[in-house]
């Protein structure tokens, strides 16, 4: 169980880093690139995968690695686009609702047995998610929240933007949200598949970090990025947190090989529950009665999903 708890803790730490990065003039795309370099170094130092057999993998493993290497940096870029076009709240909601995909995969792909207790736990988990994602649409003075999507309000207010352009912008916003939802859900499923590789997962993890780092670096070079020292340095911290999050997440799947629903659900609702409490404590975000109910339901869901 400690692997799941540590994975949740490091995931929340990554979220806190990204939230503080916006305030600290840190260019997150550059920090993400260095994050993968750091993850590669940590994989070599701590996991010590056998390098002599690093590339000796079955075709199915290479497919998983290739998809992860592409999705890890790509989903980050899609998430950034979703935040710009649809707002932070909708983007975060799309990410958390991606829980539906791995839960479906747990039964359809990984053939997890269904029981009444487990079904009730899943229902509670989804209800908890809905309560935890509930946020006020307006600030205390009646003005729109800063998390509201910029595209919708700007298009309505500007007389220079045609209806076709406004609809096109809204459509692109929904497409990015769909990309966030599908991307994060697929990454969860692929990490479960990697966990099934057994002892060979350390080398697979290293290769996925290498590929993700190469693709992110090439993307930054293609954009002729002007490098920012503080952003590059902060990527080392982000890499340590992100490496730990992914490592313990895969270990959690290996600890509960026959209960992927527990890991999928506990990870998602655990992160957002603790994130909600951290937001209220550190960032003075308002905690509603629905949010408190969500945390309570989340605890009940984990209890029901936990194997006897």
C-alpha atoms as a PDB file:
ATOM      1  CA  UNK A   1       0.000   0.000   0.000  1.00  0.00           C
ATOM      2  CA  UNK A   2       2.933   2.341   0.663  1.00  0.00           C
ATOM      3  CA  UNK A   3       3.749   2.344  -3.065  1.00  0.00           C
ATOM      4  CA  UNK A   4       0.318   3.770  -3.867  1.00  0.00           C
ATOM      5  CA  UNK A   5       0.547   6.357  -1.081  1.00  0.00           C
ATOM      6  CA  UNK A   6       3.987   7.490  -2.255  1.00  0.00           C
ATOM      7  CA  UNK A   7       2.827   7.711  -5.857  1.00  0.00           C
ATOM      8  CA  UNK A   8      -0.113   9.910  -4.824  1.00  0.00           C
ATOM      9  CA  UNK A   9       2.164  12.099  -2.686  1.00  0.00           C
ATOM     10  CA  UNK A  10       4.675  12.661  -5.491  1.00  0.00           C
ATOM     11  CA  UNK A  11       1.883  13.312  -8.005  1.00  0.00           C
ATOM     12  CA  UNK A  12       0.468  16.032  -5.743  1.00  0.00           C
ATOM     13  CA  UNK A  13       3.985  17.452  -5.405  1.00  0.00           C
ATOM     14  CA  UNK A  14       4.213  17.663  -9.218  1.00  0.00           C
ATOM     15  CA  UNK A  15       0.893  19.549  -9.288  1.00  0.00           C
ATOM     16  CA  UNK A  16       2.147  21.970  -6.632  1.00  0.00           C
ATOM     17  CA  UNK A  17       5.330  22.532  -8.644  1.00  0.00           C
ATOM     18  CA  UNK A  18       3.356  23.324 -11.803  1.00  0.00           C
ATOM     19  CA  UNK A  19       1.076  25.684  -9.899  1.00  0.00           C
ATOM     20  CA  UNK A  20       4.032  27.545  -8.374  1.00  0.00           C
ATOM     21  CA  UNK A  21       5.827  27.559 -11.733  1.00  0.00           C
ATOM     22  CA  UNK A  22       3.198  29.876 -13.196  1.00  0.00           C
ATOM     23  CA  UNK A  23       3.941  32.372 -10.433  1.00  0.00           C
ATOM     24  CA  UNK A  24       7.720  32.016 -10.558  1.00  0.00           C
ATOM     25  CA  UNK A  25       8.361  32.878 -14.208  1.00  0.00           C
ATOM     26  CA  UNK A  26       9.292  29.270 -14.986  1.00  0.00           C
ATOM     27  CA  UNK A  27       8.773  28.117 -18.564  1.00  0.00           C
ATOM     28  CA  UNK A  28       7.177  24.771 -17.994  1.00  0.00           C
ATOM     29  CA  UNK A  29       7.970  23.309 -21.431  1.00  0.00           C
ATOM     30  CA  UNK A  30      11.704  23.740 -20.783  1.00  0.00           C
ATOM     31  CA  UNK A  31      11.359  22.319 -17.272  1.00  0.00           C
ATOM     32  CA  UNK A  32       9.525  19.311 -18.732  1.00  0.00           C
ATOM     33  CA  UNK A  33      12.384  18.655 -21.170  1.00  0.00           C
ATOM     34  CA  UNK A  34      15.000  18.697 -18.367  1.00  0.00           C
ATOM     35  CA  UNK A  35      12.628  16.580 -16.278  1.00  0.00           C
ATOM     36  CA  UNK A  36      13.072  13.684 -18.716  1.00  0.00           C
ATOM     37  CA  UNK A  37      16.864  14.055 -18.687  1.00  0.00           C
ATOM     38  CA  UNK A  38      16.754  13.913 -14.882  1.00  0.00           C
ATOM     39  CA  UNK A  39      14.451  10.881 -15.002  1.00  0.00           C
ATOM     40  CA  UNK A  40      16.925   9.089 -17.295  1.00  0.00           C
ATOM     41  CA  UNK A  41      19.806   9.799 -14.900  1.00  0.00           C
ATOM     42  CA  UNK A  42      17.779   8.626 -11.882  1.00  0.00           C
ATOM     43  CA  UNK A  43      16.722   5.464 -13.728  1.00  0.00           C
ATOM     44  CA  UNK A  44      20.355   4.621 -14.476  1.00  0.00           C
ATOM     45  CA  UNK A  45      21.532   5.476 -10.950  1.00  0.00           C
ATOM     46  CA  UNK A  46      18.745   3.991  -8.802  1.00  0.00           C
ATOM     47  CA  UNK A  47      17.169   1.249 -10.902  1.00  0.00           C
ATOM     48  CA  UNK A  48      20.348   0.043 -12.629  1.00  0.00           C
ATOM     49  CA  UNK A  49      18.579  -1.661 -15.562  1.00  0.00           C
ATOM     50  CA  UNK A  50      20.703  -4.245 -17.423  1.00  0.00           C
ATOM     51  CA  UNK A  51      22.109  -2.217 -20.320  1.00  0.00           C
ATOM     52  CA  UNK A  52      23.446  -5.243 -22.208  1.00  0.00           C
ATOM     53  CA  UNK A  53      19.876  -6.442 -22.845  1.00  0.00           C
ATOM     54  CA  UNK A  54      18.227  -3.005 -22.944  1.00  0.00           C
ATOM     55  CA  UNK A  55      17.077  -3.302 -26.549  1.00  0.00           C
ATOM     56  CA  UNK A  56      16.138  -6.990 -26.396  1.00  0.00           C
ATOM     57  CA  UNK A  57      12.375  -6.658 -26.043  1.00  0.00           C
ATOM     58  CA  UNK A  58       9.383  -8.315 -27.714  1.00  0.00           C
ATOM     59  CA  UNK A  59       7.407  -6.298 -30.300  1.00  0.00           C
ATOM     60  CA  UNK A  60       4.547  -5.743 -27.836  1.00  0.00           C
ATOM     61  CA  UNK A  61       6.922  -4.086 -25.353  1.00  0.00           C
ATOM     62  CA  UNK A  62       8.311  -1.810 -28.072  1.00  0.00           C
ATOM     63  CA  UNK A  63       4.765  -0.786 -28.965  1.00  0.00           C
ATOM     64  CA  UNK A  64       4.083   0.198 -25.341  1.00  0.00           C
ATOM     65  CA  UNK A  65       7.377   2.103 -25.152  1.00  0.00           C
ATOM     66  CA  UNK A  66       6.769   3.912 -28.416  1.00  0.00           C
ATOM     67  CA  UNK A  67       3.273   4.976 -27.394  1.00  0.00           C
ATOM     68  CA  UNK A  68       4.470   6.157 -23.975  1.00  0.00           C
ATOM     69  CA  UNK A  69       7.415   8.012 -25.472  1.00  0.00           C
ATOM     70  CA  UNK A  70       5.049   9.892 -27.774  1.00  0.00           C
ATOM     71  CA  UNK A  71       2.168  10.393 -25.338  1.00  0.00           C
ATOM     72  CA  UNK A  72       4.134  11.604 -22.295  1.00  0.00           C
ATOM     73  CA  UNK A  73       5.359  14.850 -23.905  1.00  0.00           C
ATOM     74  CA  UNK A  74       2.427  15.170 -26.333  1.00  0.00           C
ATOM     75  CA  UNK A  75      -0.265  15.101 -23.652  1.00  0.00           C
ATOM     76  CA  UNK A  76       1.611  17.827 -21.794  1.00  0.00           C
ATOM     77  CA  UNK A  77       1.459  20.033 -24.907  1.00  0.00           C
ATOM     78  CA  UNK A  78      -2.227  19.201 -25.460  1.00  0.00           C
ATOM     79  CA  UNK A  79      -2.921  20.033 -21.796  1.00  0.00           C
ATOM     80  CA  UNK A  80      -1.211  23.409 -22.236  1.00  0.00           C
ATOM     81  CA  UNK A  81      -3.340  24.088 -25.329  1.00  0.00           C
ATOM     82  CA  UNK A  82      -6.501  23.025 -23.467  1.00  0.00           C
ATOM     83  CA  UNK A  83      -5.730  25.435 -20.620  1.00  0.00           C
ATOM     84  CA  UNK A  84      -5.340  28.276 -23.157  1.00  0.00           C
ATOM     85  CA  UNK A  85      -8.481  27.461 -25.119  1.00  0.00           C
ATOM     86  CA  UNK A  86     -10.865  25.979 -22.540  1.00  0.00           C
ATOM     87  CA  UNK A  87      -9.584  27.138 -19.150  1.00  0.00           C
ATOM     88  CA  UNK A  88      -7.851  25.487 -16.205  1.00  0.00           C
ATOM     89  CA  UNK A  89     -10.996  24.084 -14.581  1.00  0.00           C
ATOM     90  CA  UNK A  90     -12.291  22.319 -17.694  1.00  0.00           C
ATOM     91  CA  UNK A  91      -8.820  20.993 -18.525  1.00  0.00           C
ATOM     92  CA  UNK A  92      -8.321  19.588 -15.019  1.00  0.00           C
ATOM     93  CA  UNK A  93     -11.810  18.076 -15.151  1.00  0.00           C
ATOM     94  CA  UNK A  94     -11.014  16.354 -18.457  1.00  0.00           C
ATOM     95  CA  UNK A  95      -7.805  14.945 -16.961  1.00  0.00           C
ATOM     96  CA  UNK A  96      -9.561  13.531 -13.892  1.00  0.00           C
ATOM     97  CA  UNK A  97     -12.495  12.134 -15.870  1.00  0.00           C
ATOM     98  CA  UNK A  98      -9.954  10.095 -17.843  1.00  0.00           C
ATOM     99  CA  UNK A  99     -10.308   7.674 -14.900  1.00  0.00           C
ATOM    100  CA  UNK A 100     -13.252   6.183 -16.807  1.00  0.00           C
ATOM    101  CA  UNK A 101     -10.965   4.749 -19.510  1.00  0.00           C
ATOM    102  CA  UNK A 102      -8.593   2.734 -17.270  1.00  0.00           C
ATOM    103  CA  UNK A 103     -11.520   1.483 -15.184  1.00  0.00           C
ATOM    104  CA  UNK A 104     -13.157   0.150 -18.350  1.00  0.00           C
ATOM    105  CA  UNK A 105      -9.801  -1.346 -19.373  1.00  0.00           C
ATOM    106  CA  UNK A 106      -9.489  -3.069 -15.992  1.00  0.00           C
ATOM    107  CA  UNK A 107     -12.490  -5.232 -16.852  1.00  0.00           C
ATOM    108  CA  UNK A 108     -12.327  -5.398 -20.666  1.00  0.00           C
ATOM    109  CA  UNK A 109      -8.545  -5.655 -21.177  1.00  0.00           C
ATOM    110  CA  UNK A 110      -7.099  -6.911 -17.873  1.00  0.00           C
ATOM    111  CA  UNK A 111     -10.110  -9.147 -17.092  1.00  0.00           C
ATOM    112  CA  UNK A 112     -10.523  -8.067 -13.483  1.00  0.00           C
ATOM    113  CA  UNK A 113     -13.333  -9.920 -11.704  1.00  0.00           C
ATOM    114  CA  UNK A 114     -16.440  -7.866 -10.930  1.00  0.00           C
ATOM    115  CA  UNK A 115     -18.148  -8.077  -7.541  1.00  0.00           C
ATOM    116  CA  UNK A 116     -20.929  -6.123  -5.867  1.00  0.00           C
ATOM    117  CA  UNK A 117     -18.468  -4.586  -3.411  1.00  0.00           C
ATOM    118  CA  UNK A 118     -16.160  -3.497  -6.226  1.00  0.00           C
ATOM    119  CA  UNK A 119     -19.038  -2.104  -8.312  1.00  0.00           C
ATOM    120  CA  UNK A 120     -20.197  -0.032  -5.332  1.00  0.00           C
ATOM    121  CA  UNK A 121     -16.631   1.211  -4.840  1.00  0.00           C
ATOM    122  CA  UNK A 122     -16.449   2.349  -8.472  1.00  0.00           C
ATOM    123  CA  UNK A 123     -19.775   4.175  -8.183  1.00  0.00           C
ATOM    124  CA  UNK A 124     -18.562   5.905  -5.009  1.00  0.00           C
ATOM    125  CA  UNK A 125     -15.274   6.798  -6.727  1.00  0.00           C
ATOM    126  CA  UNK A 126     -17.075   8.453  -9.650  1.00  0.00           C
ATOM    127  CA  UNK A 127     -19.431  10.298  -7.286  1.00  0.00           C
ATOM    128  CA  UNK A 128     -16.412  11.449  -5.259  1.00  0.00           C
ATOM    129  CA  UNK A 129     -14.760  12.664  -8.435  1.00  0.00           C
ATOM    130  CA  UNK A 130     -17.844  14.693  -9.379  1.00  0.00           C
ATOM    131  CA  UNK A 131     -17.974  16.292  -5.923  1.00  0.00           C
ATOM    132  CA  UNK A 132     -14.248  17.048  -5.856  1.00  0.00           C
ATOM    133  CA  UNK A 133     -14.313  18.675  -9.278  1.00  0.00           C
ATOM    134  CA  UNK A 134     -17.211  20.961  -8.354  1.00  0.00           C
ATOM    135  CA  UNK A 135     -15.976  24.542  -8.359  1.00  0.00           C
ATOM    136  CA  UNK A 136     -17.854  27.876  -8.248  1.00  0.00           C
ATOM    137  CA  UNK A 137     -18.284  29.470 -11.655  1.00  0.00           C
ATOM    138  CA  UNK A 138     -18.028  33.013 -10.290  1.00  0.00           C
ATOM    139  CA  UNK A 139     -15.956  34.873  -7.761  1.00  0.00           C
ATOM    140  CA  UNK A 140     -17.427  36.459  -4.678  1.00  0.00           C
ATOM    141  CA  UNK A 141     -18.178  39.791  -6.449  1.00  0.00           C
ATOM    142  CA  UNK A 142     -20.095  38.075  -9.225  1.00  0.00           C
ATOM    143  CA  UNK A 143     -17.337  38.363 -11.810  1.00  0.00           C
ATOM    144  CA  UNK A 144     -16.382  35.353 -13.867  1.00  0.00           C
ATOM    145  CA  UNK A 145     -13.768  33.138 -12.285  1.00  0.00           C
ATOM    146  CA  UNK A 146     -10.192  33.424 -13.555  1.00  0.00           C
ATOM    147  CA  UNK A 147     -10.401  29.743 -14.443  1.00  0.00           C
ATOM    148  CA  UNK A 148     -13.183  30.355 -16.935  1.00  0.00           C
ATOM    149  CA  UNK A 149     -12.223  29.615 -20.520  1.00  0.00           C
ATOM    150  CA  UNK A 150     -10.773  32.666 -22.182  1.00  0.00           C
ATOM    151  CA  UNK A 151     -11.978  31.853 -25.680  1.00  0.00           C
ATOM    152  CA  UNK A 152     -15.702  31.876 -24.973  1.00  0.00           C
ATOM    153  CA  UNK A 153     -15.882  35.188 -23.120  1.00  0.00           C
ATOM    154  CA  UNK A 154     -13.442  36.925 -25.416  1.00  0.00           C
ATOM    155  CA  UNK A 155     -15.311  35.856 -28.535  1.00  0.00           C
ATOM    156  CA  UNK A 156     -18.624  37.034 -27.131  1.00  0.00           C
ATOM    157  CA  UNK A 157     -17.225  40.408 -26.130  1.00  0.00           C
ATOM    158  CA  UNK A 158     -15.369  41.234 -29.333  1.00  0.00           C
ATOM    159  CA  UNK A 159     -17.253  42.674 -32.280  1.00  0.00           C
ATOM    160  CA  UNK A 160     -14.287  41.947 -34.558  1.00  0.00           C
ATOM    161  CA  UNK A 161     -14.653  38.165 -34.285  1.00  0.00           C
ATOM    162  CA  UNK A 162     -17.157  36.454 -36.584  1.00  0.00           C
ATOM    163  CA  UNK A 163     -19.559  33.736 -35.472  1.00  0.00           C
ATOM    164  CA  UNK A 164     -17.667  31.194 -37.619  1.00  0.00           C
ATOM    165  CA  UNK A 165     -14.373  32.076 -35.926  1.00  0.00           C
ATOM    166  CA  UNK A 166     -15.990  31.862 -32.486  1.00  0.00           C
ATOM    167  CA  UNK A 167     -17.466  28.440 -33.258  1.00  0.00           C
ATOM    168  CA  UNK A 168     -14.120  27.295 -34.667  1.00  0.00           C
ATOM    169  CA  UNK A 169     -12.325  28.393 -31.515  1.00  0.00           C
ATOM    170  CA  UNK A 170     -14.886  26.614 -29.321  1.00  0.00           C
ATOM    171  CA  UNK A 171     -14.554  23.438 -31.423  1.00  0.00           C
ATOM    172  CA  UNK A 172     -10.755  23.497 -31.076  1.00  0.00           C
ATOM    173  CA  UNK A 173     -11.197  23.951 -27.333  1.00  0.00           C
ATOM    174  CA  UNK A 174     -13.364  20.836 -27.089  1.00  0.00           C
ATOM    175  CA  UNK A 175     -10.909  18.897 -29.256  1.00  0.00           C
ATOM    176  CA  UNK A 176      -8.058  19.724 -26.888  1.00  0.00           C
ATOM    177  CA  UNK A 177     -10.191  18.635 -23.916  1.00  0.00           C
ATOM    178  CA  UNK A 178     -10.920  15.355 -25.711  1.00  0.00           C
ATOM    179  CA  UNK A 179      -7.173  14.964 -26.270  1.00  0.00           C
ATOM    180  CA  UNK A 180      -6.483  15.510 -22.561  1.00  0.00           C
ATOM    181  CA  UNK A 181      -9.177  12.999 -21.564  1.00  0.00           C
ATOM    182  CA  UNK A 182      -8.034  10.301 -23.993  1.00  0.00           C
ATOM    183  CA  UNK A 183      -4.310  10.959 -23.535  1.00  0.00           C
ATOM    184  CA  UNK A 184      -4.195  10.668 -19.754  1.00  0.00           C
ATOM    185  CA  UNK A 185      -6.496   7.643 -19.801  1.00  0.00           C
ATOM    186  CA  UNK A 186      -4.274   5.849 -22.337  1.00  0.00           C
ATOM    187  CA  UNK A 187      -1.119   6.664 -20.345  1.00  0.00           C
ATOM    188  CA  UNK A 188      -2.622   5.045 -17.233  1.00  0.00           C
ATOM    189  CA  UNK A 189      -3.459   1.909 -19.230  1.00  0.00           C
ATOM    190  CA  UNK A 190       0.023   1.768 -20.781  1.00  0.00           C
ATOM    191  CA  UNK A 191       1.698   2.063 -17.365  1.00  0.00           C
ATOM    192  CA  UNK A 192      -0.371  -0.910 -16.206  1.00  0.00           C
ATOM    193  CA  UNK A 193       0.821  -2.813 -19.268  1.00  0.00           C
ATOM    194  CA  UNK A 194       4.418  -1.866 -18.442  1.00  0.00           C
ATOM    195  CA  UNK A 195       3.944  -3.137 -14.882  1.00  0.00           C
ATOM    196  CA  UNK A 196       3.088  -6.547 -16.339  1.00  0.00           C
ATOM    197  CA  UNK A 197       6.580  -6.757 -17.876  1.00  0.00           C
ATOM    198  CA  UNK A 198       7.865  -7.798 -14.438  1.00  0.00           C
ATOM    199  CA  UNK A 199      11.557  -7.265 -13.729  1.00  0.00           C
ATOM    200  CA  UNK A 200      12.083  -5.889 -17.252  1.00  0.00           C
ATOM    201  CA  UNK A 201      10.050  -2.794 -16.472  1.00  0.00           C
ATOM    202  CA  UNK A 202      13.116  -0.849 -15.254  1.00  0.00           C
ATOM    203  CA  UNK A 203      14.719  -0.948 -18.698  1.00  0.00           C
ATOM    204  CA  UNK A 204      11.387  -0.159 -20.331  1.00  0.00           C
ATOM    205  CA  UNK A 205      10.924   2.834 -18.040  1.00  0.00           C
ATOM    206  CA  UNK A 206      14.396   4.104 -18.983  1.00  0.00           C
ATOM    207  CA  UNK A 207      13.682   3.759 -22.706  1.00  0.00           C
ATOM    208  CA  UNK A 208      10.342   5.572 -22.416  1.00  0.00           C
ATOM    209  CA  UNK A 209      12.048   8.481 -20.621  1.00  0.00           C
ATOM    210  CA  UNK A 210      14.770   8.628 -23.292  1.00  0.00           C
ATOM    211  CA  UNK A 211      12.253   8.697 -26.132  1.00  0.00           C
ATOM    212  CA  UNK A 212      10.027  11.265 -24.404  1.00  0.00           C
ATOM    213  CA  UNK A 213      13.037  13.489 -23.693  1.00  0.00           C
ATOM    214  CA  UNK A 214      14.248  13.290 -27.302  1.00  0.00           C
ATOM    215  CA  UNK A 215      10.854  14.214 -28.705  1.00  0.00           C
ATOM    216  CA  UNK A 216      10.402  17.093 -26.248  1.00  0.00           C
ATOM    217  CA  UNK A 217      13.901  18.390 -26.987  1.00  0.00           C
ATOM    218  CA  UNK A 218      13.328  18.243 -30.751  1.00  0.00           C
ATOM    219  CA  UNK A 219      10.034  20.102 -30.358  1.00  0.00           C
ATOM    220  CA  UNK A 220      11.739  22.899 -28.403  1.00  0.00           C
ATOM    221  CA  UNK A 221      14.562  23.117 -30.940  1.00  0.00           C
ATOM    222  CA  UNK A 222      12.068  23.279 -33.823  1.00  0.00           C
ATOM    223  CA  UNK A 223      10.445  26.264 -32.091  1.00  0.00           C
ATOM    224  CA  UNK A 224      13.854  27.915 -31.727  1.00  0.00           C
ATOM    225  CA  UNK A 225      13.308  28.227 -27.997  1.00  0.00           C
ATOM    226  CA  UNK A 226      15.293  30.800 -26.085  1.00  0.00           C
ATOM    227  CA  UNK A 227      16.608  28.891 -23.085  1.00  0.00           C
ATOM    228  CA  UNK A 228      15.839  30.146 -19.601  1.00  0.00           C
ATOM    229  CA  UNK A 229      18.289  29.210 -16.832  1.00  0.00           C
ATOM    230  CA  UNK A 230      15.742  29.163 -13.998  1.00  0.00           C
ATOM    231  CA  UNK A 231      13.360  26.982 -16.013  1.00  0.00           C
ATOM    232  CA  UNK A 232      16.108  24.520 -16.905  1.00  0.00           C
ATOM    233  CA  UNK A 233      17.292  24.289 -13.290  1.00  0.00           C
ATOM    234  CA  UNK A 234      13.749  23.776 -11.996  1.00  0.00           C
ATOM    235  CA  UNK A 235      13.403  20.822 -14.377  1.00  0.00           C
ATOM    236  CA  UNK A 236      15.803  18.870 -12.157  1.00  0.00           C
ATOM    237  CA  UNK A 237      13.389  19.133  -9.226  1.00  0.00           C
ATOM    238  CA  UNK A 238      10.433  18.311 -11.469  1.00  0.00           C
ATOM    239  CA  UNK A 239      12.310  15.292 -12.841  1.00  0.00           C
ATOM    240  CA  UNK A 240      12.909  13.904  -9.362  1.00  0.00           C
ATOM    241  CA  UNK A 241       9.254  14.287  -8.423  1.00  0.00           C
ATOM    242  CA  UNK A 242       7.932  12.925 -11.710  1.00  0.00           C
ATOM    243  CA  UNK A 243      10.317   9.950 -11.741  1.00  0.00           C
ATOM    244  CA  UNK A 244       9.240   9.013  -8.205  1.00  0.00           C
ATOM    245  CA  UNK A 245       5.575   9.397  -9.091  1.00  0.00           C
ATOM    246  CA  UNK A 246       5.798   7.103 -12.138  1.00  0.00           C
ATOM    247  CA  UNK A 247       8.103   4.563 -10.459  1.00  0.00           C
ATOM    248  CA  UNK A 248       5.853   4.075  -7.430  1.00  0.00           C
ATOM    249  CA  UNK A 249       2.729   4.081  -9.634  1.00  0.00           C
ATOM    250  CA  UNK A 250       4.077   1.133 -11.616  1.00  0.00           C
ATOM    251  CA  UNK A 251       5.168  -0.565  -8.385  1.00  0.00           C
ATOM    252  CA  UNK A 252       1.627  -0.129  -7.042  1.00  0.00           C
ATOM    253  CA  UNK A 253       0.274  -1.971 -10.079  1.00  0.00           C
ATOM    254  CA  UNK A 254       2.787  -4.749  -9.414  1.00  0.00           C
ATOM    255  CA  UNK A 255       1.727  -4.871  -5.754  1.00  0.00           C
ATOM    256  CA  UNK A 256      -1.948  -5.255  -6.748  1.00  0.00           C
ATOM    257  CA  UNK A 257      -1.683  -7.130 -10.082  1.00  0.00           C
ATOM    258  CA  UNK A 258      -5.227  -8.500  -9.902  1.00  0.00           C
ATOM    259  CA  UNK A 259      -6.857  -5.269  -8.767  1.00  0.00           C
ATOM    260  CA  UNK A 260      -6.012  -2.518 -11.283  1.00  0.00           C
ATOM    261  CA  UNK A 261      -9.253  -0.693 -10.452  1.00  0.00           C
ATOM    262  CA  UNK A 262      -7.932   0.017  -6.947  1.00  0.00           C
ATOM    263  CA  UNK A 263      -4.757   1.603  -8.327  1.00  0.00           C
ATOM    264  CA  UNK A 264      -6.530   3.560 -11.076  1.00  0.00           C
ATOM    265  CA  UNK A 265      -9.258   4.882  -8.779  1.00  0.00           C
ATOM    266  CA  UNK A 266      -7.124   5.466  -5.680  1.00  0.00           C
ATOM    267  CA  UNK A 267      -4.527   7.330  -7.714  1.00  0.00           C
ATOM    268  CA  UNK A 268      -6.992   9.694  -9.379  1.00  0.00           C
ATOM    269  CA  UNK A 269      -9.308  10.418  -6.477  1.00  0.00           C
ATOM    270  CA  UNK A 270      -6.404  10.340  -4.006  1.00  0.00           C
ATOM    271  CA  UNK A 271      -4.501  12.983  -5.959  1.00  0.00           C
ATOM    272  CA  UNK A 272      -7.467  15.282  -6.335  1.00  0.00           C
ATOM    273  CA  UNK A 273      -8.579  14.784  -2.693  1.00  0.00           C
ATOM    274  CA  UNK A 274      -5.161  15.660  -1.285  1.00  0.00           C
ATOM    275  CA  UNK A 275      -4.754  18.341  -3.941  1.00  0.00           C
ATOM    276  CA  UNK A 276      -8.030  19.899  -2.801  1.00  0.00           C
ATOM    277  CA  UNK A 277      -6.835  19.946   0.823  1.00  0.00           C
ATOM    278  CA  UNK A 278      -3.440  21.355  -0.183  1.00  0.00           C
ATOM    279  CA  UNK A 279      -5.149  24.005  -2.306  1.00  0.00           C
ATOM    280  CA  UNK A 280      -7.266  25.043   0.662  1.00  0.00           C
ATOM    281  CA  UNK A 281      -4.340  25.018   3.102  1.00  0.00           C
ATOM    282  CA  UNK A 282      -1.491  26.501   1.027  1.00  0.00           C
ATOM    283  CA  UNK A 283      -3.227  28.487  -1.703  1.00  0.00           C
ATOM    284  CA  UNK A 284      -6.343  29.479   0.280  1.00  0.00           C
ATOM    285  CA  UNK A 285      -8.685  28.001  -2.311  1.00  0.00           C
ATOM    286  CA  UNK A 286     -12.265  27.754  -1.115  1.00  0.00           C
ATOM    287  CA  UNK A 287     -13.372  24.296   0.030  1.00  0.00           C
ATOM    288  CA  UNK A 288     -17.101  23.749  -0.491  1.00  0.00           C
ATOM    289  CA  UNK A 289     -19.403  21.309   1.270  1.00  0.00           C
ATOM    290  CA  UNK A 290     -19.465  19.229  -1.926  1.00  0.00           C
ATOM    291  CA  UNK A 291     -15.670  19.012  -1.871  1.00  0.00           C
ATOM    292  CA  UNK A 292     -15.738  17.764   1.730  1.00  0.00           C
ATOM    293  CA  UNK A 293     -18.373  15.203   0.752  1.00  0.00           C
ATOM    294  CA  UNK A 294     -16.165  14.163  -2.161  1.00  0.00           C
ATOM    295  CA  UNK A 295     -13.210  13.493   0.134  1.00  0.00           C
ATOM    296  CA  UNK A 296     -15.438  11.383   2.401  1.00  0.00           C
ATOM    297  CA  UNK A 297     -16.794   9.405  -0.551  1.00  0.00           C
ATOM    298  CA  UNK A 298     -13.260   8.933  -1.870  1.00  0.00           C
ATOM    299  CA  UNK A 299     -12.160   7.327   1.386  1.00  0.00           C
ATOM    300  CA  UNK A 300     -15.208   5.043   1.299  1.00  0.00           C
ATOM    301  CA  UNK A 301     -14.460   4.058  -2.306  1.00  0.00           C
ATOM    302  CA  UNK A 302     -10.870   3.106  -1.512  1.00  0.00           C
ATOM    303  CA  UNK A 303     -12.007   1.015   1.462  1.00  0.00           C
ATOM    304  CA  UNK A 304     -14.479  -0.873  -0.761  1.00  0.00           C
ATOM    305  CA  UNK A 305     -11.954  -1.368  -3.574  1.00  0.00           C
ATOM    306  CA  UNK A 306      -9.154  -2.517  -1.287  1.00  0.00           C
ATOM    307  CA  UNK A 307      -8.841  -6.319  -1.364  1.00  0.00           C
ATOM    308  CA  UNK A 308      -9.883  -8.162   1.804  1.00  0.00           C
END
